[in-house]
Amino acid sequence: MKILVVEDDAELAQALASALRDQHMVVDVASSLREASDLAFGSAYDVLVVDRGLPDGDGLSLIERLRGARVHTPAIVLTAMIDVAERVRSLDYGADDYLGKPFARDELMARIRALGRRPAGRAQRLSSAGALSLDHEDRQVLVTSRPLALPRREWLVLETLLLSKGRTVHRQRLVERVYGEGEDIQSNSLDSHVSRLRSKLEAACAGVEIHAVRGVGYLLREAAGGERE
């Protein structure tokens, strides 16, 4: 999943980003409404984590603008305003969930995963092809019931390709799913991740193939004879 964290407390924002990256998620961080708006309207996210109290306004205004533009990315609001009226206001402005500060990190992680499973995010928990299965929630990859350990970026490449099994995924979409905003990306970084992933899948007899579509992107499909019995 790709997450946008909108939080002006730098220490909290970096702690959240680190925890999410530990869960194999790509994370962008914005510290103001203006920065968050540029990111939210310029890239596709699975979940938004939005603080109410930002230096240039209320985080709810970002959600309201997105909903007005028919952008329905699930959003969870973080707020120190815990009275019922403010909770109701958050939901009325288009938030899907809210969490009062201070909060337990594990609860926030669970709520983000739950939002990512909604139809506006990711509808299914499991994806499979050949002898390969991927659990989006538990972040596990299995090949005929045997775990296959993958670094975060290779995991994200596999998740993105598997969700579009049999269809070409454009290179730019892969870059957006695997890297955060502003990361220094070498020209061949994505190709290196794909190459290493391909080798590991072949060595594990996963029954899938990753093909490069010249000038466009990559495609994952079941290998001949790779269907499950």
Protein backbone atom coordinates (compact mmCIF):
# COMPACT_ATOMS: atom_id res chain seq x y z
CA MET A 1 0.00 0.00 0.00
CA LYS A 2 0.99 3.62 -0.50
CA ILE A 3 0.18 5.96 2.39
CA LEU A 4 0.18 9.74 2.72
CA VAL A 5 0.80 10.93 6.28
CA VAL A 6 -0.22 14.57 6.84
CA GLU A 7 1.26 15.61 10.19
CA ASP A 8 3.19 18.75 11.20
CA ASP A 9 4.80 17.17 14.28
CA ALA A 10 8.05 16.05 12.65
CA GLU A 11 8.90 13.49 15.33
CA LEU A 12 5.46 11.86 15.21
CA ALA A 13 5.36 11.94 11.42
CA GLN A 14 8.71 10.19 11.11
CA ALA A 15 7.74 7.61 13.75
CA LEU A 16 4.55 6.81 11.82
CA ALA A 17 6.41 6.67 8.51
CA SER A 18 8.99 4.30 9.97
CA ALA A 19 6.31 2.01 11.43
CA LEU A 20 4.43 1.91 8.13
CA ARG A 21 7.58 1.19 6.14
CA ASP A 22 8.29 -1.69 8.50
CA GLN A 23 4.95 -3.06 7.24
CA HIS A 24 6.24 -2.91 3.63
CA MET A 25 4.28 0.24 2.81
CA VAL A 26 5.44 3.21 0.74
CA VAL A 27 4.99 6.42 2.71
CA ASP A 28 4.99 10.09 1.79
CA VAL A 29 4.90 12.74 4.53
CA ALA A 30 3.44 16.25 4.29
CA SER A 31 3.64 18.83 7.07
CA SER A 32 1.12 21.36 5.72
CA LEU A 33 -2.17 21.50 3.84
CA ARG A 34 -0.50 22.99 0.80
CA GLU A 35 2.11 20.24 0.58
CA ALA A 36 -0.50 17.55 1.28
CA SER A 37 -2.79 18.90 -1.42
CA ASP A 38 -0.03 18.83 -4.04
CA LEU A 39 0.75 15.21 -3.16
CA ALA A 40 -2.84 13.98 -2.77
CA PHE A 41 -3.97 15.42 -6.10
CA GLY A 42 -0.76 14.46 -7.88
CA SER A 43 -0.36 10.80 -6.92
CA ALA A 44 -2.49 7.76 -6.10
CA TYR A 45 -2.63 6.66 -2.45
CA ASP A 46 -4.38 3.75 -0.77
CA VAL A 47 -4.96 5.51 2.56
CA LEU A 48 -4.58 9.06 3.89
CA VAL A 49 -3.63 9.70 7.54
CA VAL A 50 -4.53 13.32 8.22
CA ASP A 51 -3.91 15.46 11.32
CA ARG A 52 -6.58 18.07 12.06
CA GLY A 53 -4.34 20.79 13.44
CA LEU A 54 -1.97 21.87 10.67
CA PRO A 55 -0.07 25.18 10.50
CA ASP A 56 -2.07 26.46 7.51
CA GLY A 57 -5.50 25.14 8.42
CA ASP A 58 -7.69 22.19 9.40
CA GLY A 59 -6.85 18.83 7.82
CA LEU A 60 -10.56 18.30 7.20
CA SER A 61 -10.43 20.90 4.44
CA LEU A 62 -8.09 18.63 2.46
CA ILE A 63 -10.51 15.71 2.74
CA GLU A 64 -13.42 17.96 1.79
CA ARG A 65 -11.60 19.17 -1.34
CA LEU A 66 -10.70 15.62 -2.36
CA ARG A 67 -14.28 14.44 -1.95
CA GLY A 68 -15.49 17.43 -3.95
CA ALA A 69 -13.14 16.37 -6.74
CA ARG A 70 -14.49 12.78 -6.48
CA VAL A 71 -11.27 11.43 -5.02
CA HIS A 72 -12.47 8.76 -2.60
CA THR A 73 -9.19 7.56 -1.11
CA PRO A 74 -9.96 6.25 2.41
CA ALA A 75 -8.90 8.73 5.08
CA ILE A 76 -8.34 8.44 8.81
CA VAL A 77 -8.24 11.65 10.85
CA LEU A 78 -5.91 12.11 13.81
CA THR A 79 -7.17 14.66 16.30
CA ALA A 80 -6.80 15.85 19.86
CA MET A 81 -10.45 17.02 19.65
CA ILE A 82 -12.23 14.12 21.29
CA ASP A 83 -15.77 15.43 21.86
CA VAL A 84 -18.58 13.81 19.91
CA ALA A 85 -19.40 16.91 17.84
CA GLU A 86 -15.86 17.04 16.41
CA ARG A 87 -15.90 13.32 15.65
CA VAL A 88 -19.18 13.73 13.80
CA ARG A 89 -17.78 16.75 11.94
CA SER A 90 -14.79 14.68 10.78
CA LEU A 91 -17.07 12.01 9.33
CA ASP A 92 -19.41 14.59 7.77
CA TYR A 93 -16.46 16.15 5.96
CA GLY A 94 -15.69 12.82 4.30
CA ALA A 95 -13.30 11.06 6.69
CA ASP A 96 -13.73 7.29 6.90
CA ASP A 97 -12.35 6.92 10.42
CA TYR A 98 -10.84 8.97 13.23
CA LEU A 99 -8.45 8.33 16.09
CA GLY A 100 -7.93 10.53 19.11
CA LYS A 101 -4.50 11.63 20.27
CA PRO A 102 -2.63 10.14 22.01
CA PHE A 103 -3.16 6.79 20.31
CA ALA A 104 -1.60 3.35 20.33
CA ARG A 105 0.55 2.75 17.26
CA ASP A 106 -0.74 -0.82 16.83
CA GLU A 107 -4.33 0.43 16.75
CA LEU A 108 -3.50 2.97 14.05
CA MET A 109 -1.74 0.27 11.99
CA ALA A 110 -4.81 -1.98 12.30
CA ARG A 111 -7.16 0.83 11.26
CA ILE A 112 -5.00 1.66 8.24
CA ARG A 113 -5.01 -2.00 7.16
CA ALA A 114 -8.79 -2.09 7.57
CA LEU A 115 -9.24 1.02 5.41
CA GLY A 116 -6.95 -0.46 2.78
CA ARG A 117 -9.29 -3.47 2.50
CA ARG A 118 -12.32 -1.34 1.68
CA PRO A 119 -13.60 -1.26 -1.93
CA ALA A 120 -12.09 2.20 -2.51
CA GLY A 121 -8.76 0.70 -1.52
CA ARG A 122 -7.96 -2.99 -1.90
CA ALA A 123 -10.96 -5.32 -2.05
CA GLN A 124 -9.22 -8.66 -1.52
CA ARG A 125 -6.87 -9.92 1.13
CA LEU A 126 -5.25 -12.67 -0.95
CA SER A 127 -3.89 -12.67 -4.50
CA SER A 128 -2.50 -15.73 -6.24
CA ALA A 129 -1.00 -17.04 -9.47
CA GLY A 130 0.63 -20.35 -10.22
CA ALA A 131 2.01 -21.76 -6.95
CA LEU A 132 2.33 -18.26 -5.52
CA SER A 133 0.00 -16.58 -3.03
CA LEU A 134 0.33 -13.15 -1.45
CA ASP A 135 -1.43 -11.99 1.72
CA HIS A 136 -1.83 -8.21 1.51
CA GLU A 137 -2.75 -7.85 5.18
CA ASP A 138 -0.10 -10.05 6.81
CA ARG A 139 2.50 -9.07 4.17
CA GLN A 140 3.40 -12.69 3.47
CA VAL A 141 4.38 -14.44 0.25
CA LEU A 142 4.00 -18.20 0.02
CA VAL A 143 5.06 -20.62 -2.70
CA THR A 144 3.25 -23.95 -2.25
CA SER A 145 2.86 -23.09 1.46
CA ARG A 146 6.55 -22.22 1.89
CA PRO A 147 7.36 -18.63 2.93
CA LEU A 148 9.34 -16.56 0.45
CA ALA A 149 11.16 -13.67 2.14
CA LEU A 150 11.40 -10.50 0.05
CA PRO A 151 12.83 -7.04 0.79
CA ARG A 152 10.27 -4.24 0.95
CA ARG A 153 10.69 -2.90 -2.58
CA GLU A 154 10.63 -6.34 -4.22
CA TRP A 155 7.51 -7.12 -2.19
CA LEU A 156 5.86 -3.94 -3.46
CA VAL A 157 6.79 -4.74 -7.06
CA LEU A 158 5.30 -8.21 -6.71
CA GLU A 159 2.13 -6.92 -5.05
CA THR A 160 1.56 -4.34 -7.79
CA LEU A 161 2.18 -6.79 -10.63
CA LEU A 162 0.10 -9.54 -9.05
CA LEU A 163 -2.89 -7.24 -8.55
CA SER A 164 -2.78 -6.62 -12.32
CA LYS A 165 -2.01 -10.24 -13.25
CA GLY A 166 -2.10 -10.73 -17.01
CA ARG A 167 -2.07 -6.98 -17.71
CA THR A 168 0.86 -4.69 -18.37
CA VAL A 169 1.67 -2.31 -15.52
CA HIS A 170 3.16 0.93 -16.79
CA ARG A 171 6.63 1.72 -15.52
CA GLN A 172 5.55 5.04 -14.00
CA ARG A 173 2.83 3.34 -11.97
CA LEU A 174 5.36 0.88 -10.61
CA VAL A 175 7.71 3.72 -9.68
CA GLU A 176 4.86 5.50 -7.85
CA ARG A 177 3.95 2.34 -5.93
CA VAL A 178 7.50 1.37 -4.98
CA TYR A 179 9.12 4.74 -4.20
CA GLY A 180 8.09 7.67 -2.06
CA GLU A 181 7.88 11.26 -3.24
CA GLY A 182 11.29 12.88 -3.56
CA GLU A 183 13.33 9.69 -3.21
CA ASP A 184 16.54 9.60 -5.21
CA ILE A 185 15.80 6.96 -7.85
CA GLN A 186 18.62 5.70 -10.07
CA SER A 187 17.70 5.07 -13.70
CA ASN A 188 18.01 1.29 -13.39
CA SER A 189 16.78 0.87 -9.80
CA LEU A 190 13.35 -0.46 -10.72
CA ASP A 191 14.79 -2.85 -13.29
CA SER A 192 17.23 -4.18 -10.67
CA HIS A 193 14.39 -4.86 -8.23
CA VAL A 194 12.39 -6.64 -10.92
CA SER A 195 15.40 -8.70 -12.00
CA ARG A 196 16.13 -9.88 -8.45
CA LEU A 197 12.45 -10.64 -7.86
CA ARG A 198 12.25 -12.62 -11.09
CA SER A 199 15.27 -14.71 -10.09
CA LYS A 200 13.83 -15.49 -6.66
CA LEU A 201 10.46 -16.51 -8.11
CA GLU A 202 12.16 -18.79 -10.63
CA ALA A 203 14.37 -20.37 -7.95
CA ALA A 204 11.31 -21.00 -5.76
CA CYS A 205 9.38 -22.59 -8.68
CA ALA A 206 6.55 -20.12 -8.14
CA GLY A 207 4.97 -20.89 -11.52
CA VAL A 208 4.85 -17.25 -12.62
CA GLU A 209 6.81 -15.18 -15.12
CA ILE A 210 7.58 -11.47 -15.19
CA HIS A 211 7.95 -10.08 -18.70
CA ALA A 212 9.31 -6.70 -19.71
CA VAL A 213 7.12 -4.88 -22.23
CA ARG A 214 9.60 -2.68 -24.05
CA GLY A 215 8.93 1.02 -23.65
CA VAL A 216 5.85 0.40 -21.48
CA GLY A 217 6.44 -1.57 -18.28
CA TYR A 218 6.13 -5.09 -16.89
CA LEU A 219 3.61 -7.91 -16.92
CA LEU A 220 3.20 -10.88 -14.58
CA ARG A 221 1.45 -14.02 -15.75
CA GLU A 222 1.30 -17.69 -14.89
CA ALA A 223 3.98 -19.80 -16.52
CA ALA A 224 2.91 -22.55 -18.88
CA GLY A 225 1.82 -25.42 -16.66
CA GLY A 226 2.00 -23.11 -13.66
CA GLU A 227 -1.65 -23.35 -12.66
CA ARG A 228 -2.46 -25.06 -9.40
CA GLU A 229 -3.72 -28.62 -9.50
